[in-house]
């Protein structure tokens, strides 16, 4: 049985990162946050949000993502694939546990 290296252990260690995303009005009816958690296996803490009920303006979320580095990487890739504007992205090294 092989002993995992420090690099492998760090990959699966829980961590967190904080970011803000802009949700264009065309995606207001899409379950962006729900899919983020179910497809990427992370926990999301919504720290703040602004999303109008009438959907006339873009909205934004201030999120804290909890998971492993690969899970958080997949989550950011998912958000990029939706072409969402992401700002204030910190790295797991800055926010990590």
Protein backbone atom coordinates (compact mmCIF):
# COMPACT_ATOMS: atom_id res chain seq x y z
CA UNK A 1 0.00 0.00 0.00
CA UNK A 2 1.48 3.32 -1.10
CA UNK A 3 1.65 6.21 1.30
CA UNK A 4 0.16 9.37 -0.22
CA UNK A 5 2.57 12.23 -0.76
CA UNK A 6 2.14 15.66 0.83
CA UNK A 7 0.97 16.97 -2.55
CA UNK A 8 -1.76 14.32 -2.79
CA UNK A 9 -2.86 14.97 0.79
CA UNK A 10 -3.08 18.71 0.09
CA UNK A 11 -5.26 18.07 -2.96
CA UNK A 12 -7.94 16.36 -0.87
CA UNK A 13 -7.72 18.62 2.16
CA UNK A 14 -10.83 20.78 2.77
CA UNK A 15 -10.36 24.41 1.83
CA UNK A 16 -12.42 27.47 1.03
CA UNK A 17 -12.37 30.44 -1.28
CA UNK A 18 -14.47 33.56 -1.61
CA UNK A 19 -15.67 35.17 -4.82
CA UNK A 20 -18.34 37.40 -6.26
CA UNK A 21 -20.19 36.54 -9.43
CA UNK A 22 -22.43 38.59 -11.67
CA UNK A 23 -25.58 36.83 -12.86
CA UNK A 24 -26.79 38.31 -16.17
CA UNK A 25 -30.54 38.88 -16.37
CA UNK A 26 -30.80 36.09 -18.96
CA UNK A 27 -29.71 33.52 -16.34
CA UNK A 28 -32.01 34.63 -13.50
CA UNK A 29 -34.33 31.67 -14.05
CA UNK A 30 -31.45 29.14 -14.14
CA UNK A 31 -30.48 27.23 -10.96
CA UNK A 32 -26.84 28.40 -11.09
CA UNK A 33 -26.07 28.00 -7.36
CA UNK A 34 -27.97 24.70 -7.08
CA UNK A 35 -26.03 23.21 -10.00
CA UNK A 36 -22.80 24.59 -8.57
CA UNK A 37 -23.31 22.51 -5.43
CA UNK A 38 -24.74 19.37 -7.03
CA UNK A 39 -22.35 19.11 -10.00
CA UNK A 40 -19.17 20.16 -8.19
CA UNK A 41 -19.77 18.59 -4.78
CA UNK A 42 -19.02 21.77 -2.85
CA UNK A 43 -20.82 23.62 -0.08
CA UNK A 44 -21.77 27.21 -0.84
CA UNK A 45 -22.34 29.90 1.74
CA UNK A 46 -24.13 32.92 0.26
CA UNK A 47 -22.70 35.90 2.14
CA UNK A 48 -24.67 38.53 0.19
CA UNK A 49 -26.81 38.69 -2.92
CA UNK A 50 -28.76 41.08 -5.08
CA UNK A 51 -31.16 39.59 -7.60
CA UNK A 52 -34.34 41.44 -8.51
CA UNK A 53 -37.59 39.52 -8.76
CA UNK A 54 -38.56 41.22 -12.02
CA UNK A 55 -35.32 40.17 -13.73
CA UNK A 56 -34.72 43.49 -15.48
CA UNK A 57 -31.19 43.96 -14.14
CA UNK A 58 -28.12 41.81 -13.66
CA UNK A 59 -27.66 40.39 -10.17
CA UNK A 60 -24.67 39.30 -8.12
CA UNK A 61 -23.72 36.86 -5.39
CA UNK A 62 -20.94 37.07 -2.82
CA UNK A 63 -20.08 33.40 -2.23
CA UNK A 64 -17.84 31.37 0.00
CA UNK A 65 -17.05 27.98 -1.56
CA UNK A 66 -16.04 25.04 0.66
CA UNK A 67 -14.52 21.83 -0.75
CA UNK A 68 -11.26 20.35 -1.94
CA UNK A 69 -8.99 22.20 -4.36
CA UNK A 70 -10.16 20.07 -7.31
CA UNK A 71 -13.83 20.63 -6.39
CA UNK A 72 -13.35 24.38 -6.12
CA UNK A 73 -11.42 24.35 -9.41
CA UNK A 74 -14.33 22.52 -11.06
CA UNK A 75 -16.77 25.06 -9.59
CA UNK A 76 -14.82 27.99 -11.02
CA UNK A 77 -14.61 26.21 -14.38
CA UNK A 78 -18.40 25.71 -14.29
CA UNK A 79 -18.94 29.43 -13.61
CA UNK A 80 -16.49 30.37 -16.38
CA UNK A 81 -18.29 28.02 -18.79
CA UNK A 82 -21.49 29.99 -18.09
CA UNK A 83 -19.49 33.11 -19.03
CA UNK A 84 -20.24 34.73 -15.68
CA UNK A 85 -18.17 37.67 -14.54
CA UNK A 86 -16.13 36.63 -11.49
CA UNK A 87 -14.32 39.14 -9.31
CA UNK A 88 -12.74 39.20 -5.89
CA UNK A 89 -11.59 35.61 -6.36
CA UNK A 90 -9.21 34.57 -3.62
CA UNK A 91 -7.06 31.49 -3.79
CA UNK A 92 -7.41 28.50 -1.44
CA UNK A 93 -3.92 29.35 -0.16
CA UNK A 94 -5.23 32.72 1.04
CA UNK A 95 -8.52 31.45 2.49
CA UNK A 96 -7.68 27.81 3.18
CA UNK A 97 -8.26 26.10 6.49
